[in-house]
Amino acid sequence: MEQHNSKPVNPLLCDPATGVCELPGAVQEHTHSVDVISRKPVTIVYFTDPICSTCWGIEPQLRKLKLEYGADVEVEYHMGGLLPDWSYNSGGISKPSDVAHHWDEVSKHYNMPIDGDVWLEDPLPSSYPPSIAFKAAQLQDKDKAVKYLRILREMLFLEKKNITRWEHLSRAALQAGLDAEQLKNDYEGHAATLFRSDLEMAKQWHVRGFPSVFITDGRGNKEFIYGFKPYEVYTTAIEKISPTIRKAVYEKSWEHLFQQYPTLTTREFTELSDQTINQSEVLLEELLQRNELVRLSTKNGVLWKRKHYN
């Protein structure tokens, strides 16, 4: 595990070297309480945040896990509260515009499209509103809530949308198949309490940054993965927790992958299809020319969408 240092920490300065978005004032702990009731042999307890750039960076790993281990592994999402507000000054960041260049650098490091200009054009005052909206989405449907979180991240990282604004939260809800009116009612009601419960749980589990991933069998056995790690780290941890679990063989055709995930970055498609980046780029460009896909281009990368996906 990485050694904690005394340098000023800013949660929006996600360190590419460690692959971590660390919370200010967090103290390293070596023990973690585990109290999970698993419906499947293995539960991944995932502490994240809608605006965590490193969490965006591990989307390919999580998506592949669901394809290979989805029958035996359940992912449980909890919000961590990365940016309460701008009432602090640490780690060289005192205002939103300071984040813009950093996000552009992180994008290149993880090879996932992130446009930092949102912090120049329409900066977010906090990550709490989209976090509470996610808890509201979970009240309707946990699977649709995961889709909702993905759409919010695409809005933020690629479309430069301030996802604290209700117009974006509402539009994302409709795209995810949620009831936007019910989401608003829950957002203004019980969801805030659920979000506070997530924050308290994060403290109890000694979460000091994001992504924090706990792989557990629900009986107290656990493996902890902190920050950006290669896919093999996840598979090794899963097989250590539950040695009888085996990877499923899934279809790697572009049709199947885009059926499972209507939007994919170039890196995601590359990892899920087991091709090289060059092979993926050639195929994706060909599919674009055949009118099978549409392309959302940013200054730092591309998101591909199935043609009929809105």
Protein backbone atom coordinates (compact mmCIF):
# COMPACT_ATOMS: atom_id res chain seq x y z
CA MET A 1 0.00 0.00 0.00
CA GLU A 2 1.23 3.50 -0.75
CA GLN A 3 2.91 5.41 2.06
CA HIS A 4 1.01 8.41 3.31
CA ASN A 5 2.98 11.65 3.17
CA SER A 6 2.61 15.09 4.70
CA LYS A 7 2.27 17.06 1.47
CA PRO A 8 -0.90 19.12 1.10
CA VAL A 9 -3.58 16.98 -0.47
CA ASN A 10 -6.30 18.15 -2.80
CA PRO A 11 -8.98 15.65 -3.82
CA LEU A 12 -9.14 16.95 -7.38
CA LEU A 13 -5.41 16.41 -7.90
CA CYS A 14 -5.63 12.70 -8.66
CA ASP A 15 -2.03 11.52 -8.59
CA PRO A 16 -1.28 9.50 -11.77
CA ALA A 17 1.72 7.90 -10.06
CA THR A 18 -0.42 6.29 -7.35
CA GLY A 19 -3.70 6.37 -9.25
CA VAL A 20 -5.52 7.93 -6.31
CA CYS A 21 -7.85 10.87 -5.66
CA GLU A 22 -7.08 11.37 -1.99
CA LEU A 23 -9.23 13.14 0.58
CA PRO A 24 -7.74 16.05 2.58
CA GLY A 25 -6.81 15.08 6.12
CA ALA A 26 -7.26 11.37 5.49
CA VAL A 27 -5.15 9.08 7.64
CA GLN A 28 -3.84 5.77 6.41
CA GLU A 29 -5.31 2.74 8.13
CA HIS A 30 -4.26 -0.86 7.77
CA THR A 31 -7.49 -2.49 8.97
CA HIS A 32 -10.95 -2.22 7.49
CA SER A 33 -14.20 -3.37 9.04
CA VAL A 34 -16.20 -5.56 6.70
CA ASP A 35 -19.92 -6.13 7.19
CA VAL A 36 -21.46 -7.14 3.89
CA ILE A 37 -24.36 -9.45 3.18
CA SER A 38 -23.57 -11.00 -0.21
CA ARG A 39 -26.22 -12.19 -2.60
CA LYS A 40 -23.42 -13.60 -4.75
CA PRO A 41 -20.22 -15.37 -3.69
CA VAL A 42 -18.21 -12.14 -3.97
CA THR A 43 -19.20 -8.52 -3.39
CA ILE A 44 -17.13 -5.59 -4.60
CA VAL A 45 -17.77 -2.66 -2.27
CA TYR A 46 -16.81 0.35 -4.37
CA PHE A 47 -16.38 3.82 -2.87
CA THR A 48 -16.38 6.39 -5.65
CA ASP A 49 -17.49 9.89 -6.63
CA PRO A 50 -19.12 11.20 -9.83
CA ILE A 51 -16.28 13.67 -10.46
CA CYS A 52 -13.36 11.39 -9.56
CA SER A 53 -11.13 11.30 -12.65
CA THR A 54 -9.29 8.14 -11.56
CA CYS A 55 -12.65 6.41 -11.08
CA TRP A 56 -13.36 7.26 -14.71
CA GLY A 57 -9.96 5.74 -15.48
CA ILE A 58 -10.94 2.34 -14.04
CA GLU A 59 -14.21 2.06 -15.96
CA PRO A 60 -12.62 -0.40 -18.43
CA GLN A 61 -11.55 -2.68 -15.57
CA LEU A 62 -14.98 -2.63 -13.95
CA ARG A 63 -16.78 -3.23 -17.23
CA LYS A 64 -14.61 -6.23 -18.02
CA LEU A 65 -15.14 -7.60 -14.52
CA LYS A 66 -18.89 -7.54 -15.04
CA LEU A 67 -18.55 -9.46 -18.31
CA GLU A 68 -16.20 -12.11 -16.94
CA TYR A 69 -17.41 -12.43 -13.34
CA GLY A 70 -20.92 -10.95 -13.35
CA ALA A 71 -22.59 -14.26 -12.48
CA ASP A 72 -20.62 -14.55 -9.23
CA VAL A 73 -19.63 -10.98 -8.38
CA GLU A 74 -21.86 -8.10 -7.34
CA VAL A 75 -20.64 -4.49 -7.37
CA GLU A 76 -22.04 -2.32 -4.58
CA TYR A 77 -21.66 1.41 -5.23
CA HIS A 78 -21.17 3.97 -2.46
CA MET A 79 -20.54 7.70 -2.77
CA GLY A 80 -17.50 9.11 -1.03
CA GLY A 81 -17.89 12.90 -1.00
CA LEU A 82 -14.81 14.01 -2.95
CA LEU A 83 -15.58 17.74 -3.16
CA PRO A 84 -17.83 19.22 -0.45
CA ASP A 85 -17.14 22.79 -1.61
CA TRP A 86 -14.30 25.20 -2.37
CA SER A 87 -13.70 26.38 1.19
CA TYR A 88 -10.18 24.96 1.30
CA ASN A 89 -6.85 25.64 -0.38
CA SER A 90 -4.49 22.72 -0.60
CA GLY A 91 -2.22 20.90 -2.99
CA GLY A 92 -1.83 23.90 -5.27
CA ILE A 93 -5.54 24.24 -6.02
CA SER A 94 -7.62 27.08 -4.61
CA LYS A 95 -10.20 27.58 -7.37
CA PRO A 96 -11.88 25.49 -10.08
CA SER A 97 -9.78 26.82 -12.97
CA ASP A 98 -6.70 25.28 -11.32
CA VAL A 99 -8.13 21.82 -12.09
CA ALA A 100 -8.44 22.22 -15.87
CA HIS A 101 -4.85 21.48 -16.91
CA HIS A 102 -4.53 18.68 -14.37
CA TRP A 103 -7.54 16.86 -15.82
CA ASP A 104 -6.08 17.12 -19.32
CA GLU A 105 -2.88 15.48 -18.05
CA VAL A 106 -4.77 12.73 -16.22
CA SER A 107 -6.73 12.01 -19.41
CA LYS A 108 -3.54 11.21 -21.29
CA HIS A 109 -2.19 9.10 -18.44
CA TYR A 110 -5.27 6.83 -18.27
CA ASN A 111 -5.98 7.01 -22.00
CA MET A 112 -9.58 7.91 -21.21
CA PRO A 113 -11.13 11.08 -22.69
CA ILE A 114 -11.42 13.90 -20.14
CA ASP A 115 -11.83 17.54 -21.12
CA GLY A 116 -10.70 19.75 -18.26
CA ASP A 117 -12.24 22.86 -19.80
CA VAL A 118 -15.43 22.30 -17.79
CA TRP A 119 -13.52 23.92 -14.90
CA LEU A 120 -13.01 27.02 -17.04
CA GLU A 121 -16.43 27.19 -18.71
CA ASP A 122 -18.98 26.02 -16.10
CA PRO A 123 -17.18 24.79 -12.96
CA LEU A 124 -18.83 22.59 -10.37
CA PRO A 125 -19.17 24.03 -6.83
CA SER A 126 -19.34 20.54 -5.26
CA SER A 127 -19.64 16.84 -6.05
CA TYR A 128 -22.44 16.41 -3.51
CA PRO A 129 -25.46 17.17 -5.79
CA PRO A 130 -24.68 14.42 -8.36
CA SER A 131 -23.80 12.06 -5.50
CA ILE A 132 -27.20 12.63 -3.90
CA ALA A 133 -28.85 12.26 -7.31
CA PHE A 134 -27.16 8.87 -7.67
CA LYS A 135 -28.58 7.77 -4.30
CA ALA A 136 -31.99 8.91 -5.52
CA ALA A 137 -31.52 6.80 -8.66
CA GLN A 138 -30.66 3.76 -6.53
CA LEU A 139 -34.04 4.10 -4.82
CA GLN A 140 -35.69 3.44 -8.18
CA ASP A 141 -33.44 0.77 -9.69
CA LYS A 142 -29.86 -0.18 -8.81
CA ASP A 143 -28.93 -1.24 -12.34
CA LYS A 144 -30.38 1.91 -13.86
CA ALA A 145 -28.54 3.91 -11.20
CA VAL A 146 -25.23 2.52 -12.49
CA LYS A 147 -26.23 3.58 -16.01
CA TYR A 148 -27.17 6.96 -14.59
CA LEU A 149 -23.75 7.40 -12.99
CA ARG A 150 -22.07 6.48 -16.27
CA ILE A 151 -24.16 9.04 -18.18
CA LEU A 152 -23.34 11.74 -15.61
CA ARG A 153 -19.63 11.00 -16.00
CA GLU A 154 -19.85 11.18 -19.77
CA MET A 155 -21.63 14.52 -19.45
CA LEU A 156 -18.91 15.84 -17.16
CA PHE A 157 -15.71 14.39 -18.62
CA LEU A 158 -16.59 14.59 -22.32
CA GLU A 159 -19.43 17.07 -22.77
CA LYS A 160 -18.15 19.58 -20.18
CA LYS A 161 -21.50 19.73 -18.42
CA ASN A 162 -21.83 21.03 -14.88
CA ILE A 163 -23.60 18.00 -13.44
CA THR A 164 -24.69 19.86 -10.31
CA ARG A 165 -27.32 21.59 -12.48
CA TRP A 166 -30.74 19.99 -12.36
CA GLU A 167 -31.24 20.26 -16.12
CA HIS A 168 -28.36 17.81 -16.61
CA LEU A 169 -29.30 15.57 -13.70
CA SER A 170 -32.83 15.33 -15.08
CA ARG A 171 -31.76 14.66 -18.69
CA ALA A 172 -29.39 11.93 -17.55
CA ALA A 173 -32.24 10.32 -15.58
CA LEU A 174 -34.41 10.11 -18.70
CA GLN A 175 -31.51 8.63 -20.71
CA ALA A 176 -31.01 5.99 -18.02
CA GLY A 177 -34.69 5.04 -18.09
CA LEU A 178 -35.47 6.58 -14.71
CA ASP A 179 -38.50 8.61 -13.68
CA ALA A 180 -37.08 12.14 -13.53
CA GLU A 181 -39.94 13.50 -11.42
CA GLN A 182 -39.54 10.72 -8.87
CA LEU A 183 -35.78 11.30 -8.90
CA LYS A 184 -36.33 14.95 -8.02
CA ASN A 185 -38.69 14.04 -5.18
CA ASP A 186 -36.19 11.55 -3.77
CA TYR A 187 -33.29 13.96 -4.37
CA GLU A 188 -35.06 16.54 -2.21
CA GLY A 189 -36.06 13.91 0.32
CA HIS A 190 -34.56 10.61 1.47
CA ALA A 191 -31.58 10.50 -0.91
CA ALA A 192 -29.63 13.07 1.12
CA THR A 193 -29.93 10.81 4.18
CA LEU A 194 -28.67 7.86 2.17
CA PHE A 195 -25.73 9.93 0.95
CA ARG A 196 -24.83 10.85 4.53
CA SER A 197 -24.97 7.14 5.37
CA ASP A 198 -22.47 6.48 2.56
CA LEU A 199 -20.16 9.15 3.96
CA GLU A 200 -20.39 7.58 7.40
CA MET A 201 -19.74 4.13 5.96
CA ALA A 202 -16.67 5.48 4.17
CA LYS A 203 -15.34 6.72 7.53
CA GLN A 204 -16.04 3.37 9.16
CA TRP A 205 -14.18 1.59 6.38
CA HIS A 206 -11.29 4.08 6.71
CA VAL A 207 -11.61 5.27 3.11
CA ARG A 208 -9.05 8.00 2.47
CA GLY A 209 -9.35 8.40 -1.29
CA PHE A 210 -10.86 7.11 -4.51
CA PRO A 211 -11.26 4.67 -6.05
CA SER A 212 -11.38 2.44 -2.96
CA VAL A 213 -12.42 -1.11 -3.81
CA PHE A 214 -13.02 -3.82 -1.23
CA ILE A 215 -13.44 -7.34 -2.57
CA THR A 216 -15.17 -9.47 0.07
CA ASP A 217 -17.03 -12.73 0.53
CA GLY A 218 -19.26 -11.20 3.21
CA ARG A 219 -17.72 -13.33 5.97
CA GLY A 220 -14.96 -10.95 6.92
CA ASN A 221 -12.48 -11.98 4.25
CA LYS A 222 -11.42 -9.11 2.04
CA GLU A 223 -8.87 -7.75 -0.39
CA PHE A 224 -8.36 -3.99 -0.72
CA ILE A 225 -7.52 -2.30 -4.03
CA TYR A 226 -6.66 1.39 -3.77
CA GLY A 227 -6.39 3.68 -6.75
CA PHE A 228 -5.77 2.83 -10.39
CA LYS A 229 -4.62 -0.78 -10.78
CA PRO A 230 -4.40 -3.09 -13.82
CA TYR A 231 -7.19 -5.56 -14.48
CA GLU A 232 -5.10 -8.51 -13.31
CA VAL A 233 -5.01 -7.07 -9.77
CA TYR A 234 -8.80 -7.38 -9.62
CA THR A 235 -8.91 -10.92 -10.98
CA THR A 236 -6.19 -12.07 -8.60
CA ALA A 237 -8.07 -10.61 -5.63
CA ILE A 238 -11.37 -12.19 -6.68
CA GLU A 239 -9.80 -15.61 -7.11
CA LYS A 240 -8.03 -15.28 -3.77
CA ILE A 241 -11.29 -14.47 -1.99
CA SER A 242 -13.21 -17.22 -3.81
CA PRO A 243 -10.88 -19.79 -5.44
CA THR A 244 -13.75 -21.71 -7.05
CA ILE A 245 -14.84 -18.76 -9.20
CA ARG A 246 -13.87 -18.99 -12.84
CA LYS A 247 -13.93 -16.37 -15.57
CA ALA A 248 -16.82 -16.61 -17.97
CA VAL A 249 -16.07 -16.64 -21.69
CA TYR A 250 -17.94 -13.78 -23.31
CA GLU A 251 -18.48 -12.83 -26.91
CA LYS A 252 -16.02 -10.17 -28.05
CA SER A 253 -17.69 -9.08 -31.29
CA TRP A 254 -18.38 -5.37 -31.61
CA GLU A 255 -22.12 -6.08 -31.87
CA HIS A 256 -22.18 -7.88 -28.54
CA LEU A 257 -19.97 -5.39 -26.74
CA PHE A 258 -22.08 -2.42 -27.81
CA GLN A 259 -25.19 -4.36 -26.86
CA GLN A 260 -23.80 -4.76 -23.35
CA TYR A 261 -22.46 -1.21 -23.16
CA PRO A 262 -24.09 1.31 -25.55
CA THR A 263 -21.14 3.69 -25.17
CA LEU A 264 -17.46 2.76 -25.15
CA THR A 265 -14.25 4.74 -25.21
CA THR A 266 -11.53 3.51 -27.54
CA ARG A 267 -9.59 2.12 -24.57
CA GLU A 268 -12.67 0.34 -23.24
CA PHE A 269 -13.39 -1.27 -26.61
CA THR A 270 -9.74 -2.28 -26.91
CA GLU A 271 -9.67 -3.98 -23.52
CA LEU A 272 -13.05 -5.66 -23.84
CA SER A 273 -12.38 -6.95 -27.36
CA ASP A 274 -8.80 -8.06 -26.59
CA GLN A 275 -7.41 -6.14 -29.53
CA THR A 276 -4.65 -3.60 -29.87
CA ILE A 277 -5.41 0.11 -29.89
CA ASN A 278 -4.54 0.26 -33.61
CA GLN A 279 -6.83 -2.66 -34.45
CA SER A 280 -9.64 -1.07 -32.46
CA GLU A 281 -9.23 2.32 -34.10
CA VAL A 282 -9.37 0.78 -37.58
CA LEU A 283 -12.51 -1.23 -36.80
CA LEU A 284 -14.30 1.61 -34.99
CA GLU A 285 -13.57 4.00 -37.85
CA GLU A 286 -14.91 1.43 -40.31
CA LEU A 287 -18.09 1.04 -38.23
CA LEU A 288 -18.46 4.82 -38.23
CA GLN A 289 -18.23 4.90 -42.01
CA ARG A 290 -20.83 2.11 -42.21
CA ASN A 291 -23.16 4.22 -40.08
CA GLU A 292 -23.21 1.61 -37.30
CA LEU A 293 -21.72 3.96 -34.71
CA VAL A 294 -21.56 7.65 -33.95
CA ARG A 295 -18.49 9.35 -32.57
CA LEU A 296 -18.26 11.98 -29.86
CA SER A 297 -14.85 13.57 -30.25
CA THR A 298 -13.13 15.62 -27.57
CA LYS A 299 -9.71 17.23 -27.53
CA ASN A 300 -8.47 14.29 -25.42
CA GLY A 301 -10.18 11.27 -26.95
CA VAL A 302 -13.31 9.68 -28.34
CA LEU A 303 -16.51 8.10 -27.09
CA TRP A 304 -18.28 5.70 -29.46
CA LYS A 305 -22.02 5.15 -29.36
CA ARG A 306 -24.33 2.65 -30.93
CA LYS A 307 -26.24 4.42 -33.68
CA HIS A 308 -29.65 4.03 -32.06
CA TYR A 309 -28.45 5.02 -28.58
CA ASN A 310 -29.67 8.47 -27.55
